Amino acid sequence: MDLRVILTTFGSIFLAELGDKTQLATFCFAAESPSKWSVFIGSAGALVLTSALGCLLGSVVSQVVPPKYMNLGAGAIFVVLGLWMIFFSGGK
């Protein structure tokens, strides 16, 4: 295992997840539920599963598409979604 990759991935994902929809949904579930540990376990399990899917799909797609183009594509998608949210927020 590469500790540098682990720490870089952890730091990037941790910062990206702060204040996102997943964290806000977990916040709301915890506020309504008498069992905070159940919410934690469910939320943590979902994040682990989505991370596993991302790793699996990333390794499969990287066999066909060079990582450079995957990074460019992911960045472009984030920019497009961000602009979409700014300009088409439903008048809110």
C-alpha atoms as a PDB file:
ATOM      1  CA  MET A   1       0.000   0.000   0.000  1.00  0.00           C
ATOM      2  CA  ASP A   2       1.103   3.522  -0.767  1.00  0.00           C
ATOM      3  CA  LEU A   3       0.623   5.835   2.238  1.00  0.00           C
ATOM      4  CA  ARG A   4       0.955   8.929   0.037  1.00  0.00           C
ATOM      5  CA  VAL A   5      -1.925   7.775  -2.180  1.00  0.00           C
ATOM      6  CA  ILE A   6      -4.017   6.939   0.893  1.00  0.00           C
ATOM      7  CA  LEU A   7      -3.462  10.359   2.480  1.00  0.00           C
ATOM      8  CA  THR A   8      -4.001  12.260  -0.785  1.00  0.00           C
ATOM      9  CA  THR A   9      -7.215  10.363  -1.488  1.00  0.00           C
ATOM     10  CA  PHE A  10      -8.450  10.778   2.075  1.00  0.00           C
ATOM     11  CA  GLY A  11      -7.751  14.518   2.109  1.00  0.00           C
ATOM     12  CA  SER A  12      -9.342  15.140  -1.289  1.00  0.00           C
ATOM     13  CA  ILE A  13     -12.474  13.106  -0.595  1.00  0.00           C
ATOM     14  CA  PHE A  14     -12.839  14.454   2.944  1.00  0.00           C
ATOM     15  CA  LEU A  15     -12.732  18.068   1.740  1.00  0.00           C
ATOM     16  CA  ALA A  16     -15.036  17.332  -1.202  1.00  0.00           C
ATOM     17  CA  GLU A  17     -17.621  15.676   1.050  1.00  0.00           C
ATOM     18  CA  LEU A  18     -17.796  18.462   3.660  1.00  0.00           C
ATOM     19  CA  GLY A  19     -21.157  20.176   3.353  1.00  0.00           C
ATOM     20  CA  ASP A  20     -22.324  18.199   0.330  1.00  0.00           C
ATOM     21  CA  LYS A  21     -25.785  16.716  -0.160  1.00  0.00           C
ATOM     22  CA  THR A  22     -24.769  13.383   1.353  1.00  0.00           C
ATOM     23  CA  GLN A  23     -23.587  14.981   4.571  1.00  0.00           C
ATOM     24  CA  LEU A  24     -26.714  17.148   4.758  1.00  0.00           C
ATOM     25  CA  ALA A  25     -28.953  14.109   4.200  1.00  0.00           C
ATOM     26  CA  THR A  26     -27.113  12.224   6.961  1.00  0.00           C
ATOM     27  CA  PHE A  27     -27.520  15.282   9.202  1.00  0.00           C
ATOM     28  CA  CYS A  28     -31.288  15.232   8.622  1.00  0.00           C
ATOM     29  CA  PHE A  29     -31.594  11.474   9.163  1.00  0.00           C
ATOM     30  CA  ALA A  30     -29.647  11.750  12.426  1.00  0.00           C
ATOM     31  CA  ALA A  31     -31.839  14.626  13.583  1.00  0.00           C
ATOM     32  CA  GLU A  32     -34.994  12.528  13.082  1.00  0.00           C
ATOM     33  CA  SER A  33     -33.748   9.132  14.226  1.00  0.00           C
ATOM     34  CA  PRO A  34     -33.491   7.934  17.814  1.00  0.00           C
ATOM     35  CA  SER A  35     -30.701   5.579  16.708  1.00  0.00           C
ATOM     36  CA  LYS A  36     -27.721   7.718  15.671  1.00  0.00           C
ATOM     37  CA  TRP A  37     -25.481   4.658  15.287  1.00  0.00           C
ATOM     38  CA  SER A  38     -27.914   3.133  12.791  1.00  0.00           C
ATOM     39  CA  VAL A  39     -27.749   6.312  10.722  1.00  0.00           C
ATOM     40  CA  PHE A  40     -23.947   6.294  10.958  1.00  0.00           C
ATOM     41  CA  ILE A  41     -23.672   2.637   9.917  1.00  0.00           C
ATOM     42  CA  GLY A  42     -26.107   3.098   7.015  1.00  0.00           C
ATOM     43  CA  SER A  43     -24.381   6.257   5.818  1.00  0.00           C
ATOM     44  CA  ALA A  44     -20.873   4.809   6.180  1.00  0.00           C
ATOM     45  CA  GLY A  45     -21.923   1.626   4.352  1.00  0.00           C
ATOM     46  CA  ALA A  46     -23.345   3.643   1.469  1.00  0.00           C
ATOM     47  CA  LEU A  47     -20.153   5.702   1.183  1.00  0.00           C
ATOM     48  CA  VAL A  48     -17.997   2.561   1.249  1.00  0.00           C
ATOM     49  CA  LEU A  49     -20.121   0.928  -1.476  1.00  0.00           C
ATOM     50  CA  THR A  50     -20.059   3.997  -3.742  1.00  0.00           C
ATOM     51  CA  SER A  51     -16.295   4.281  -3.238  1.00  0.00           C
ATOM     52  CA  ALA A  52     -15.862   0.597  -4.123  1.00  0.00           C
ATOM     53  CA  LEU A  53     -17.932   1.088  -7.284  1.00  0.00           C
ATOM     54  CA  GLY A  54     -15.844   4.142  -8.188  1.00  0.00           C
ATOM     55  CA  CYS A  55     -12.605   2.171  -7.768  1.00  0.00           C
ATOM     56  CA  LEU A  56     -13.924  -0.785  -9.741  1.00  0.00           C
ATOM     57  CA  LEU A  57     -15.303   1.310 -12.600  1.00  0.00           C
ATOM     58  CA  GLY A  58     -12.222   3.548 -12.615  1.00  0.00           C
ATOM     59  CA  SER A  59      -9.922   0.552 -12.998  1.00  0.00           C
ATOM     60  CA  VAL A  60     -12.067  -0.916 -15.796  1.00  0.00           C
ATOM     61  CA  VAL A  61     -12.463   2.356 -17.706  1.00  0.00           C
ATOM     62  CA  SER A  62      -8.738   3.140 -17.343  1.00  0.00           C
ATOM     63  CA  GLN A  63      -8.028   0.047 -19.454  1.00  0.00           C
ATOM     64  CA  VAL A  64      -9.743   1.801 -22.383  1.00  0.00           C
ATOM     65  CA  VAL A  65      -9.433   5.529 -21.619  1.00  0.00           C
ATOM     66  CA  PRO A  66      -6.135   7.107 -20.489  1.00  0.00           C
ATOM     67  CA  PRO A  67      -6.319   8.608 -16.968  1.00  0.00           C
ATOM     68  CA  LYS A  68      -5.447  12.052 -18.369  1.00  0.00           C
ATOM     69  CA  TYR A  69      -8.668  12.073 -20.399  1.00  0.00           C
ATOM     70  CA  MET A  70     -10.670  10.688 -17.483  1.00  0.00           C
ATOM     71  CA  ASN A  71      -9.463  13.605 -15.316  1.00  0.00           C
ATOM     72  CA  LEU A  72     -10.278  16.124 -18.039  1.00  0.00           C
ATOM     73  CA  GLY A  73     -13.721  14.587 -18.531  1.00  0.00           C
ATOM     74  CA  ALA A  74     -14.480  14.561 -14.801  1.00  0.00           C
ATOM     75  CA  GLY A  75     -13.347  18.181 -14.476  1.00  0.00           C
ATOM     76  CA  ALA A  76     -15.484  19.220 -17.450  1.00  0.00           C
ATOM     77  CA  ILE A  77     -18.525  17.466 -15.968  1.00  0.00           C
ATOM     78  CA  PHE A  78     -18.028  19.280 -12.632  1.00  0.00           C
ATOM     79  CA  VAL A  79     -17.762  22.644 -14.420  1.00  0.00           C
ATOM     80  CA  VAL A  80     -20.862  21.970 -16.543  1.00  0.00           C
ATOM     81  CA  LEU A  81     -22.880  20.850 -13.496  1.00  0.00           C
ATOM     82  CA  GLY A  82     -21.726  23.880 -11.514  1.00  0.00           C
ATOM     83  CA  LEU A  83     -22.743  26.255 -14.310  1.00  0.00           C
ATOM     84  CA  TRP A  84     -26.039  24.418 -14.710  1.00  0.00           C
ATOM     85  CA  MET A  85     -26.773  24.865 -10.995  1.00  0.00           C
ATOM     86  CA  ILE A  86     -25.891  28.566 -11.143  1.00  0.00           C
ATOM     87  CA  PHE A  87     -27.914  29.439 -14.231  1.00  0.00           C
ATOM     88  CA  PHE A  88     -30.806  26.982 -13.998  1.00  0.00           C
ATOM     89  CA  SER A  89     -31.537  26.886 -10.274  1.00  0.00           C
ATOM     90  CA  GLY A  90     -35.285  27.174 -10.844  1.00  0.00           C
ATOM     91  CA  GLY A  91     -35.475  30.869  -9.971  1.00  0.00           C
ATOM     92  CA  LYS A  92     -34.541  30.315  -6.327  1.00  0.00           C
END
